């Protein structure tokens, strides 16, 4: 109980030097800030709702109806609506070894990249040009990374799917979907 009174006195003391006009101005500004935060939160929720509805129209409703109608493209109100193949892919760490093995076994390993990184100190610029073996001989420990660039992976998956070639979408973390794309007629 004593702590509560001490807190009240401390707060009262901190406000002792504030005149009423300045205090009112501060209150008005704090209320305006709270109002802006609430407006932003409401606008962000509305934007999320609009984005979600756009996604549903783009990836589900319009492509499904165009499929049903057997259409790849259609003109509506001066716009051209085309079906577009959407591809997302990302090899997870858990699938990396299996995916890379599959790529190598199927002679598709040209999309696999090997990065080698090594940090050098002051005055070691010439040494940076040496090969990895020379770096290890000199006591450096180069870091290596084997990966497939995200854009390359997406293009690879798109190509395999569109050409009807074998591909394990789960192994490559791939998601393929048709979507509607609107273009203005020129």
N, C-alpha and C. Protein backbone atom coordinates (compact mmCIF):
# COMPACT_ATOMS: atom_id res chain seq x y z
N UNK A 1 0.81 -1.18 0.00
CA UNK A 1 0.00 0.00 0.00
C UNK A 1 0.87 1.26 0.00
N UNK A 2 1.95 1.21 0.75
CA UNK A 2 2.85 2.36 0.82
C UNK A 2 3.45 2.64 -0.56
N UNK A 3 3.75 1.56 -1.32
CA UNK A 3 4.32 1.72 -2.66
C UNK A 3 3.37 2.48 -3.58
N UNK A 4 2.07 2.22 -3.47
CA UNK A 4 1.08 2.90 -4.30
C UNK A 4 1.12 4.40 -4.04
N UNK A 5 1.15 4.78 -2.74
CA UNK A 5 1.21 6.20 -2.40
C UNK A 5 2.51 6.84 -2.88
N UNK A 6 3.61 6.10 -2.75
CA UNK A 6 4.90 6.62 -3.22
C UNK A 6 4.86 6.86 -4.73
N UNK A 7 4.26 5.92 -5.47
CA UNK A 7 4.14 6.07 -6.91
C UNK A 7 3.28 7.29 -7.26
N UNK A 8 2.18 7.48 -6.53
CA UNK A 8 1.30 8.62 -6.78
C UNK A 8 2.04 9.93 -6.53
N UNK A 9 2.81 10.00 -5.42
CA UNK A 9 3.56 11.22 -5.12
C UNK A 9 4.64 11.47 -6.17
N UNK A 10 5.33 10.40 -6.59
CA UNK A 10 6.35 10.55 -7.63
C UNK A 10 5.73 11.09 -8.92
N UNK A 11 4.56 10.55 -9.28
CA UNK A 11 3.88 10.99 -10.49
C UNK A 11 3.42 12.43 -10.35
N UNK A 12 2.89 12.77 -9.22
CA UNK A 12 2.43 14.14 -8.97
C UNK A 12 3.60 15.11 -9.01
N UNK A 13 4.72 14.73 -8.44
CA UNK A 13 5.90 15.59 -8.47
C UNK A 13 6.40 15.80 -9.89
N UNK A 14 6.35 14.76 -10.73
CA UNK A 14 6.83 14.90 -12.10
C UNK A 14 5.92 15.80 -12.91
N UNK A 15 4.67 15.93 -12.53
CA UNK A 15 3.72 16.79 -13.24
C UNK A 15 3.65 18.20 -12.65
N UNK A 16 4.33 18.45 -11.55
CA UNK A 16 4.25 19.73 -10.86
C UNK A 16 4.71 20.89 -11.74
N UNK A 17 5.70 20.65 -12.61
CA UNK A 17 6.23 21.72 -13.45
C UNK A 17 5.47 21.91 -14.75
N UNK A 18 4.40 21.16 -14.99
CA UNK A 18 3.65 21.22 -16.24
C UNK A 18 2.45 22.14 -16.06
N UNK A 19 2.31 23.16 -16.95
CA UNK A 19 1.13 24.01 -16.84
C UNK A 19 -0.04 23.32 -17.52
N UNK A 20 -1.24 23.78 -17.25
CA UNK A 20 -2.44 23.09 -17.74
C UNK A 20 -2.56 23.14 -19.26
N UNK A 21 -2.15 24.21 -19.89
CA UNK A 21 -2.24 24.31 -21.35
C UNK A 21 -1.32 23.28 -22.02
N UNK A 22 -0.11 23.13 -21.50
CA UNK A 22 0.82 22.16 -22.05
C UNK A 22 0.31 20.74 -21.82
N UNK A 23 -0.24 20.49 -20.65
CA UNK A 23 -0.81 19.18 -20.34
C UNK A 23 -1.97 18.85 -21.25
N UNK A 24 -2.82 19.84 -21.54
CA UNK A 24 -3.95 19.62 -22.45
C UNK A 24 -3.44 19.32 -23.86
N UNK A 25 -2.42 20.07 -24.28
CA UNK A 25 -1.84 19.85 -25.61
C UNK A 25 -1.28 18.44 -25.73
N UNK A 26 -0.59 18.00 -24.67
CA UNK A 26 -0.03 16.65 -24.66
C UNK A 26 -1.15 15.61 -24.74
N UNK A 27 -2.22 15.83 -23.98
CA UNK A 27 -3.35 14.89 -24.01
C UNK A 27 -3.97 14.80 -25.41
N UNK A 28 -4.10 15.97 -26.06
CA UNK A 28 -4.67 15.99 -27.42
C UNK A 28 -3.76 15.22 -28.37
N UNK A 29 -2.45 15.43 -28.27
CA UNK A 29 -1.51 14.72 -29.16
C UNK A 29 -1.52 13.22 -28.91
N UNK A 30 -1.59 12.82 -27.65
CA UNK A 30 -1.63 11.39 -27.33
C UNK A 30 -2.90 10.77 -27.89
N UNK A 31 -4.03 11.46 -27.77
CA UNK A 31 -5.29 10.94 -28.32
C UNK A 31 -5.22 10.84 -29.85
N UNK A 32 -4.59 11.85 -30.49
CA UNK A 32 -4.43 11.81 -31.95
C UNK A 32 -3.56 10.63 -32.37
N UNK A 33 -2.49 10.40 -31.60
CA UNK A 33 -1.61 9.26 -31.89
C UNK A 33 -2.37 7.95 -31.76
N UNK A 34 -3.13 7.80 -30.67
CA UNK A 34 -3.91 6.58 -30.48
C UNK A 34 -4.92 6.40 -31.61
N UNK A 35 -5.56 7.49 -32.03
CA UNK A 35 -6.52 7.44 -33.12
C UNK A 35 -5.85 7.01 -34.42
N UNK A 36 -4.66 7.55 -34.71
CA UNK A 36 -3.92 7.16 -35.92
C UNK A 36 -3.52 5.70 -35.88
N UNK A 37 -3.08 5.23 -34.71
CA UNK A 37 -2.72 3.81 -34.59
C UNK A 37 -3.92 2.92 -34.87
N UNK A 38 -5.09 3.31 -34.35
CA UNK A 38 -6.31 2.53 -34.59
C UNK A 38 -6.71 2.58 -36.06
N UNK A 39 -6.56 3.75 -36.71
CA UNK A 39 -6.88 3.87 -38.14
C UNK A 39 -5.93 2.99 -38.97
N UNK A 40 -4.66 3.00 -38.61
CA UNK A 40 -3.68 2.17 -39.33
C UNK A 40 -4.00 0.70 -39.16
N UNK A 41 -4.31 0.29 -37.94
CA UNK A 41 -4.65 -1.12 -37.69
C UNK A 41 -5.88 -1.53 -38.50
N UNK A 42 -6.90 -0.65 -38.53
CA UNK A 42 -8.11 -0.93 -39.30
C UNK A 42 -7.80 -1.01 -40.79
N UNK A 43 -6.97 -0.09 -41.28
CA UNK A 43 -6.61 -0.08 -42.71
C UNK A 43 -5.80 -1.33 -43.06
N UNK A 44 -4.89 -1.74 -42.17
CA UNK A 44 -4.10 -2.95 -42.42
C UNK A 44 -5.00 -4.19 -42.47
N UNK A 45 -5.99 -4.27 -41.56
CA UNK A 45 -6.92 -5.40 -41.59
C UNK A 45 -7.74 -5.39 -42.88
N UNK A 46 -8.17 -4.20 -43.30
CA UNK A 46 -8.94 -4.09 -44.55
C UNK A 46 -8.07 -4.50 -45.74
N UNK A 47 -6.81 -4.05 -45.76
CA UNK A 47 -5.89 -4.40 -46.84
C UNK A 47 -5.67 -5.91 -46.89
N UNK A 48 -5.48 -6.54 -45.73
CA UNK A 48 -5.30 -8.00 -45.69
C UNK A 48 -6.52 -8.70 -46.28
N UNK A 49 -7.70 -8.19 -45.95
CA UNK A 49 -8.94 -8.77 -46.48
C UNK A 49 -9.00 -8.62 -48.00
N UNK A 50 -8.63 -7.45 -48.51
CA UNK A 50 -8.64 -7.22 -49.95
C UNK A 50 -7.62 -8.11 -50.66
N UNK A 51 -6.43 -8.25 -50.09
CA UNK A 51 -5.40 -9.09 -50.68
C UNK A 51 -5.86 -10.55 -50.71
N UNK A 52 -6.49 -10.98 -49.63
CA UNK A 52 -6.99 -12.36 -49.57
C UNK A 52 -8.07 -12.60 -50.63
N UNK A 53 -8.98 -11.66 -50.76
CA UNK A 53 -10.05 -11.79 -51.76
C UNK A 53 -9.46 -11.78 -53.18
N UNK A 54 -8.47 -10.91 -53.43
CA UNK A 54 -7.81 -10.86 -54.73
C UNK A 54 -7.14 -12.21 -55.01
N UNK A 55 -6.48 -12.77 -54.01
CA UNK A 55 -5.80 -14.06 -54.17
C UNK A 55 -6.80 -15.16 -54.55
N UNK A 56 -7.94 -15.18 -53.88
CA UNK A 56 -8.97 -16.18 -54.17
C UNK A 56 -9.49 -16.02 -55.60
N UNK A 57 -9.76 -14.78 -56.00
CA UNK A 57 -10.23 -14.54 -57.38
C UNK A 57 -9.17 -14.94 -58.40
N UNK A 58 -7.90 -14.58 -58.11
CA UNK A 58 -6.81 -14.82 -59.05
C UNK A 58 -6.44 -16.28 -59.19
N UNK A 59 -6.40 -17.01 -58.07
CA UNK A 59 -5.89 -18.38 -58.10
C UNK A 59 -6.96 -19.46 -58.05
N UNK A 60 -8.19 -19.08 -57.72
CA UNK A 60 -9.23 -20.11 -57.61
C UNK A 60 -10.43 -19.82 -58.52
N UNK A 61 -11.17 -18.79 -58.21
CA UNK A 61 -12.46 -18.54 -58.87
C UNK A 61 -12.34 -18.36 -60.38
N UNK A 62 -11.52 -17.41 -60.82
CA UNK A 62 -11.40 -17.13 -62.26
C UNK A 62 -10.76 -18.30 -63.01
N UNK A 63 -9.62 -18.85 -62.55
CA UNK A 63 -9.05 -19.99 -63.29
C UNK A 63 -9.99 -21.19 -63.36
N UNK A 64 -10.74 -21.47 -62.28
CA UNK A 64 -11.66 -22.60 -62.28
C UNK A 64 -12.77 -22.40 -63.32
N UNK A 65 -13.31 -21.19 -63.38
CA UNK A 65 -14.37 -20.92 -64.35
C UNK A 65 -13.82 -20.94 -65.78
N UNK A 66 -12.60 -20.42 -65.96
CA UNK A 66 -11.99 -20.47 -67.30
C UNK A 66 -11.72 -21.92 -67.71
N UNK A 67 -11.30 -22.77 -66.76
CA UNK A 67 -11.13 -24.20 -67.03
C UNK A 67 -12.44 -24.81 -67.48
N UNK A 68 -13.49 -24.51 -66.71
CA UNK A 68 -14.82 -25.05 -67.01
C UNK A 68 -15.28 -24.62 -68.41
N UNK A 69 -14.92 -23.41 -68.79
CA UNK A 69 -15.33 -22.89 -70.09
C UNK A 69 -14.33 -23.26 -71.19
N UNK A 70 -13.20 -23.87 -70.82
CA UNK A 70 -12.19 -24.26 -71.80
C UNK A 70 -11.47 -23.08 -72.42
N UNK A 71 -11.24 -22.04 -71.63
CA UNK A 71 -10.62 -20.81 -72.13
C UNK A 71 -9.24 -20.60 -71.53
N UNK A 72 -8.33 -20.12 -72.35
CA UNK A 72 -6.99 -19.73 -71.88
C UNK A 72 -6.90 -18.22 -71.75
N UNK A 73 -7.75 -17.50 -72.50
CA UNK A 73 -7.72 -16.05 -72.52
C UNK A 73 -9.11 -15.54 -72.85
N UNK A 74 -9.48 -14.40 -72.31
CA UNK A 74 -10.79 -13.81 -72.59
C UNK A 74 -10.68 -12.30 -72.41
N UNK A 75 -11.46 -11.55 -73.19
CA UNK A 75 -11.51 -10.11 -73.05
C UNK A 75 -12.75 -9.71 -72.27
N UNK A 76 -12.56 -8.83 -71.28
CA UNK A 76 -13.67 -8.34 -70.47
C UNK A 76 -13.45 -6.86 -70.19
N UNK A 77 -14.41 -6.02 -70.59
CA UNK A 77 -14.35 -4.58 -70.31
C UNK A 77 -13.03 -3.94 -70.71
N UNK A 78 -12.53 -4.27 -71.89
CA UNK A 78 -11.29 -3.68 -72.37
C UNK A 78 -10.03 -4.27 -71.74
N UNK A 79 -10.19 -5.33 -70.99
CA UNK A 79 -9.05 -6.01 -70.36
C UNK A 79 -8.92 -7.40 -70.95
N UNK A 80 -7.71 -7.92 -70.97
CA UNK A 80 -7.49 -9.29 -71.38
C UNK A 80 -7.14 -10.09 -70.13
N UNK A 81 -7.85 -11.18 -69.92
CA UNK A 81 -7.59 -12.05 -68.78
C UNK A 81 -7.00 -13.35 -69.32
N UNK A 82 -5.80 -13.67 -68.87
CA UNK A 82 -5.11 -14.88 -69.32
C UNK A 82 -4.82 -15.77 -68.12
N UNK A 83 -4.82 -17.08 -68.38
CA UNK A 83 -4.38 -18.02 -67.35
C UNK A 83 -2.86 -18.03 -67.33
N UNK A 84 -2.30 -18.06 -66.16
CA UNK A 84 -0.84 -18.04 -66.01
C UNK A 84 -0.47 -19.11 -64.99
N UNK A 85 0.59 -19.85 -65.27
CA UNK A 85 1.05 -20.88 -64.35
C UNK A 85 1.90 -20.22 -63.27
N UNK A 86 1.51 -20.41 -62.02
CA UNK A 86 2.24 -19.88 -60.86
C UNK A 86 3.04 -21.01 -60.25
N UNK A 87 4.33 -20.78 -60.02
CA UNK A 87 5.21 -21.81 -59.45
C UNK A 87 5.93 -21.24 -58.24
N UNK A 88 5.89 -21.98 -57.14
CA UNK A 88 6.68 -21.68 -55.95
C UNK A 88 7.48 -22.93 -55.65
N UNK A 89 8.76 -22.77 -55.33
CA UNK A 89 9.58 -23.94 -55.00
C UNK A 89 10.69 -23.52 -54.05
N UNK A 90 11.03 -24.41 -53.12
CA UNK A 90 12.12 -24.17 -52.17
C UNK A 90 12.53 -25.51 -51.59
N UNK A 91 13.77 -25.90 -51.82
CA UNK A 91 14.26 -27.18 -51.30
C UNK A 91 14.57 -27.01 -49.82
N UNK A 92 13.89 -27.78 -48.99
CA UNK A 92 14.15 -27.70 -47.56
C UNK A 92 15.46 -28.39 -47.22
N UNK A 93 16.02 -28.06 -46.09
CA UNK A 93 17.27 -28.71 -45.65
C UNK A 93 17.06 -30.21 -45.54
N UNK A 94 15.88 -30.63 -45.09
CA UNK A 94 15.58 -32.06 -44.93
C UNK A 94 15.57 -32.79 -46.28
N UNK A 95 15.20 -32.11 -47.36
CA UNK A 95 15.12 -32.74 -48.68
C UNK A 95 16.33 -32.43 -49.56
N UNK A 96 17.26 -31.64 -49.08
CA UNK A 96 18.37 -31.17 -49.90
C UNK A 96 19.19 -32.32 -50.49
N UNK A 97 19.62 -33.24 -49.67
CA UNK A 97 20.46 -34.34 -50.15
C UNK A 97 19.72 -35.19 -51.19
N UNK A 98 18.48 -35.52 -50.90
CA UNK A 98 17.67 -36.35 -51.81
C UNK A 98 17.41 -35.61 -53.12
N UNK A 99 17.08 -34.31 -53.04
CA UNK A 99 16.80 -33.53 -54.25
C UNK A 99 18.05 -33.39 -55.11
N UNK A 100 19.20 -33.12 -54.48
CA UNK A 100 20.43 -32.97 -55.25
C UNK A 100 20.84 -34.30 -55.88
N UNK A 101 20.64 -35.39 -55.15
CA UNK A 101 20.95 -36.72 -55.72
C UNK A 101 20.08 -36.99 -56.93
N UNK A 102 18.79 -36.67 -56.84
CA UNK A 102 17.88 -36.88 -57.95
C UNK A 102 18.31 -36.04 -59.15
N UNK A 103 18.65 -34.79 -58.93
CA UNK A 103 19.10 -33.92 -60.01
C UNK A 103 20.35 -34.50 -60.68
N UNK A 104 21.30 -34.97 -59.87
CA UNK A 104 22.54 -35.53 -60.42
C UNK A 104 22.27 -36.82 -61.19
N UNK A 105 21.42 -37.70 -60.64
CA UNK A 105 21.10 -38.97 -61.29
C UNK A 105 20.39 -38.77 -62.63
N UNK A 106 19.67 -37.66 -62.75
CA UNK A 106 18.91 -37.39 -63.97
C UNK A 106 19.62 -36.38 -64.88
N UNK A 107 20.92 -36.20 -64.67
CA UNK A 107 21.74 -35.28 -65.47
C UNK A 107 21.15 -33.87 -65.53
N UNK A 108 20.61 -33.42 -64.42
CA UNK A 108 20.03 -32.09 -64.33
C UNK A 108 20.78 -31.23 -63.31
N UNK A 109 21.99 -31.66 -62.97
CA UNK A 109 22.74 -30.99 -61.91
C UNK A 109 23.38 -29.68 -62.35
N UNK A 110 23.14 -29.25 -63.59
CA UNK A 110 23.69 -27.97 -64.02
C UNK A 110 23.04 -26.80 -63.29
N UNK A 111 21.92 -27.02 -62.61
CA UNK A 111 21.30 -25.94 -61.85
C UNK A 111 21.83 -25.87 -60.41
N UNK A 112 22.60 -26.86 -60.00
CA UNK A 112 23.19 -26.84 -58.65
C UNK A 112 24.42 -25.94 -58.68
N UNK A 113 24.52 -25.05 -57.74
CA UNK A 113 25.64 -24.12 -57.65
C UNK A 113 26.44 -24.42 -56.38
N UNK A 114 27.74 -24.22 -56.46
CA UNK A 114 28.62 -24.38 -55.31
C UNK A 114 29.29 -23.03 -55.03
N UNK A 115 29.04 -22.48 -53.87
CA UNK A 115 29.66 -21.22 -53.46
C UNK A 115 30.76 -21.53 -52.46
N UNK A 116 31.89 -20.85 -52.60
CA UNK A 116 32.99 -20.99 -51.66
C UNK A 116 33.29 -19.60 -51.12
N UNK A 117 33.31 -19.46 -49.81
CA UNK A 117 33.54 -18.17 -49.18
C UNK A 117 34.68 -18.29 -48.19
N UNK A 118 35.56 -17.32 -48.21
CA UNK A 118 36.67 -17.28 -47.25
C UNK A 118 36.96 -15.82 -46.95
N UNK A 119 37.17 -15.51 -45.70
CA UNK A 119 37.47 -14.13 -45.30
C UNK A 119 38.98 -13.95 -45.19
N UNK A 120 39.45 -12.82 -45.70
CA UNK A 120 40.88 -12.50 -45.66
C UNK A 120 41.08 -11.20 -44.90
N UNK A 121 42.21 -11.12 -44.24
CA UNK A 121 42.55 -9.92 -43.49
C UNK A 121 43.29 -8.92 -44.37
N UNK A 122 43.69 -7.84 -43.73
CA UNK A 122 44.42 -6.77 -44.39
C UNK A 122 45.69 -7.31 -45.05
N UNK A 123 45.93 -6.90 -46.29
CA UNK A 123 47.15 -7.27 -46.99
C UNK A 123 47.11 -8.64 -47.64
N UNK A 124 45.95 -9.31 -47.65
CA UNK A 124 45.86 -10.65 -48.22
C UNK A 124 45.08 -10.67 -49.54
N UNK A 125 45.05 -9.55 -50.24
CA UNK A 125 44.29 -9.45 -51.49
C UNK A 125 44.77 -10.44 -52.54
N UNK A 126 46.08 -10.59 -52.70
CA UNK A 126 46.60 -11.51 -53.71
C UNK A 126 46.27 -12.95 -53.37
N UNK A 127 46.29 -13.28 -52.10
CA UNK A 127 45.99 -14.64 -51.65
C UNK A 127 44.54 -15.03 -51.97
N UNK A 128 43.65 -14.03 -52.02
CA UNK A 128 42.23 -14.29 -52.28
C UNK A 128 41.99 -14.94 -53.63
N UNK A 129 42.91 -14.74 -54.58
CA UNK A 129 42.76 -15.31 -55.91
C UNK A 129 43.15 -16.77 -56.00
N UNK A 130 43.76 -17.33 -54.96
CA UNK A 130 44.20 -18.74 -54.99
C UNK A 130 43.00 -19.69 -54.97
N UNK A 131 43.23 -20.89 -55.37
CA UNK A 131 42.18 -21.92 -55.37
C UNK A 131 41.95 -22.45 -53.97
N UNK A 132 40.83 -23.18 -53.77
CA UNK A 132 40.45 -23.68 -52.47
C UNK A 132 41.54 -24.57 -51.86
N UNK A 133 42.16 -25.41 -52.64
CA UNK A 133 43.23 -26.28 -52.13
C UNK A 133 44.38 -25.49 -51.55
N UNK A 134 44.76 -24.42 -52.22
CA UNK A 134 45.84 -23.57 -51.73
C UNK A 134 45.44 -22.88 -50.43
N UNK A 135 44.16 -22.50 -50.33
CA UNK A 135 43.69 -21.86 -49.10
C UNK A 135 43.81 -22.81 -47.91
N UNK A 136 43.43 -24.06 -48.13
CA UNK A 136 43.53 -25.04 -47.04
C UNK A 136 44.99 -25.29 -46.66
N UNK A 137 45.89 -25.32 -47.64
CA UNK A 137 47.32 -25.49 -47.37
C UNK A 137 47.87 -24.35 -46.52
N UNK A 138 47.31 -23.17 -46.68
CA UNK A 138 47.79 -22.00 -45.96
C UNK A 138 47.08 -21.82 -44.61
N UNK A 139 46.18 -22.76 -44.26
CA UNK A 139 45.53 -22.71 -42.95
C UNK A 139 44.18 -22.03 -42.91
N UNK A 140 43.66 -21.63 -44.07
CA UNK A 140 42.33 -21.04 -44.11
C UNK A 140 41.28 -22.13 -44.18
N UNK A 141 40.11 -21.83 -43.70
CA UNK A 141 39.00 -22.78 -43.74
C UNK A 141 37.86 -22.18 -44.55
N UNK A 142 37.89 -22.36 -45.88
CA UNK A 142 36.83 -21.76 -46.69
C UNK A 142 35.48 -22.41 -46.40
N UNK A 143 34.45 -21.60 -46.36
CA UNK A 143 33.09 -22.09 -46.14
C UNK A 143 32.47 -22.37 -47.50
N UNK A 144 31.83 -23.51 -47.63
CA UNK A 144 31.21 -23.86 -48.90
C UNK A 144 29.70 -23.97 -48.73
N UNK A 145 29.00 -23.71 -49.80
CA UNK A 145 27.54 -23.78 -49.80
C UNK A 145 27.12 -24.34 -51.15
N UNK A 146 26.34 -25.39 -51.13
CA UNK A 146 25.80 -25.97 -52.35
C UNK A 146 24.31 -25.66 -52.37
N UNK A 147 23.83 -25.05 -53.44
CA UNK A 147 22.44 -24.63 -53.49
C UNK A 147 21.95 -24.50 -54.92
N UNK A 148 20.65 -24.36 -55.05
CA UNK A 148 20.03 -24.02 -56.33
C UNK A 148 19.36 -22.68 -56.10
N UNK A 149 19.68 -21.69 -56.92
CA UNK A 149 19.11 -20.36 -56.77
C UNK A 149 17.59 -20.45 -56.90
N UNK A 150 16.88 -19.66 -56.10
CA UNK A 150 15.41 -19.72 -56.05
C UNK A 150 14.77 -19.50 -57.42
N UNK A 151 15.25 -18.53 -58.18
CA UNK A 151 14.68 -18.27 -59.51
C UNK A 151 14.95 -19.42 -60.47
N UNK A 152 16.14 -19.99 -60.37
CA UNK A 152 16.49 -21.13 -61.22
C UNK A 152 15.62 -22.32 -60.88
N UNK A 153 15.40 -22.56 -59.58
CA UNK A 153 14.56 -23.67 -59.14
C UNK A 153 13.13 -23.50 -59.65
N UNK A 154 12.58 -22.29 -59.54
CA UNK A 154 11.22 -22.04 -60.02
C UNK A 154 11.13 -22.27 -61.53
N UNK A 155 12.12 -21.79 -62.27
CA UNK A 155 12.12 -21.98 -63.73
C UNK A 155 12.24 -23.47 -64.08
N UNK A 156 13.08 -24.19 -63.34
CA UNK A 156 13.26 -25.63 -63.56
C UNK A 156 11.94 -26.36 -63.32
N UNK A 157 11.27 -26.08 -62.21
CA UNK A 157 10.00 -26.74 -61.90
C UNK A 157 8.96 -26.38 -62.96
N UNK A 158 8.88 -25.10 -63.34
CA UNK A 158 7.92 -24.67 -64.37
C UNK A 158 8.15 -25.45 -65.66
N UNK A 159 9.41 -25.56 -66.07
CA UNK A 159 9.74 -26.27 -67.31
C UNK A 159 9.33 -27.73 -67.23
N UNK A 160 9.65 -28.40 -66.12
CA UNK A 160 9.31 -29.82 -65.97
C UNK A 160 7.79 -30.02 -66.02
N UNK A 161 7.06 -29.14 -65.34
CA UNK A 161 5.60 -29.27 -65.29
C UNK A 161 4.99 -29.00 -66.65
N UNK A 162 5.39 -27.92 -67.31
CA UNK A 162 4.79 -27.56 -68.59
C UNK A 162 5.12 -28.56 -69.68
N UNK A 163 6.29 -29.21 -69.58
CA UNK A 163 6.66 -30.21 -70.58
C UNK A 163 6.20 -31.61 -70.19
N UNK A 164 5.51 -31.73 -69.05
CA UNK A 164 4.98 -33.02 -68.62
C UNK A 164 6.05 -34.01 -68.20
N UNK A 165 7.20 -33.52 -67.78
CA UNK A 165 8.30 -34.40 -67.37
C UNK A 165 8.17 -34.75 -65.89
N UNK A 166 8.77 -35.87 -65.51
CA UNK A 166 8.72 -36.36 -64.13
C UNK A 166 9.35 -35.36 -63.17
N UNK A 167 8.65 -35.11 -62.04
CA UNK A 167 9.21 -34.27 -60.97
C UNK A 167 8.42 -34.53 -59.69
N UNK A 168 9.13 -34.67 -58.60
CA UNK A 168 8.53 -34.86 -57.28
C UNK A 168 8.37 -33.47 -56.66
N UNK A 169 7.17 -32.91 -56.73
CA UNK A 169 6.94 -31.55 -56.25
C UNK A 169 7.23 -31.42 -54.76
N UNK A 170 6.91 -32.44 -53.96
CA UNK A 170 7.17 -32.39 -52.53
C UNK A 170 8.67 -32.29 -52.24
N UNK A 171 9.46 -33.08 -52.97
CA UNK A 171 10.90 -33.09 -52.74
C UNK A 171 11.50 -31.71 -53.00
N UNK A 172 10.96 -31.00 -53.99
CA UNK A 172 11.48 -29.68 -54.32
C UNK A 172 10.69 -28.56 -53.64
N UNK A 173 9.81 -28.93 -52.70
CA UNK A 173 9.03 -27.92 -51.99
C UNK A 173 8.23 -27.06 -52.95
N UNK A 174 7.73 -27.68 -54.01
CA UNK A 174 7.10 -26.92 -55.09
C UNK A 174 5.58 -26.90 -54.96
N UNK A 175 5.02 -25.79 -55.34
CA UNK A 175 3.58 -25.58 -55.38
C UNK A 175 3.28 -24.98 -56.75
N UNK A 176 2.42 -25.62 -57.50
CA UNK A 176 2.09 -25.16 -58.85
C UNK A 176 0.60 -24.91 -58.91
N UNK A 177 0.22 -23.77 -59.46
CA UNK A 177 -1.19 -23.43 -59.54
C UNK A 177 -1.41 -22.52 -60.74
N UNK A 178 -2.59 -22.59 -61.31
CA UNK A 178 -2.97 -21.66 -62.37
C UNK A 178 -3.52 -20.40 -61.73
N UNK A 179 -3.29 -19.27 -62.35
CA UNK A 179 -3.82 -18.02 -61.84
C UNK A 179 -4.26 -17.17 -63.01
N UNK A 180 -5.18 -16.25 -62.74
CA UNK A 180 -5.63 -15.31 -63.76
C UNK A 180 -4.73 -14.09 -63.72
N UNK A 181 -4.40 -13.59 -64.89
CA UNK A 181 -3.58 -12.40 -64.99
C UNK A 181 -4.31 -11.42 -65.90
N UNK A 182 -4.54 -10.23 -65.40
CA UNK A 182 -5.27 -9.22 -66.17
C UNK A 182 -4.28 -8.28 -66.84
N UNK A 183 -4.51 -8.04 -68.13
CA UNK A 183 -3.67 -7.11 -68.89
C UNK A 183 -4.59 -6.13 -69.60
N UNK A 184 -4.17 -4.90 -69.68
CA UNK A 184 -4.94 -3.90 -70.42
C UNK A 184 -4.70 -4.11 -71.91
N UNK A 185 -5.77 -4.04 -72.68
CA UNK A 185 -5.64 -4.16 -74.13
C UNK A 185 -4.94 -2.92 -74.66
N UNK A 186 -4.03 -3.13 -75.61
CA UNK A 186 -3.30 -1.99 -76.17
C UNK A 186 -3.86 -1.57 -77.49
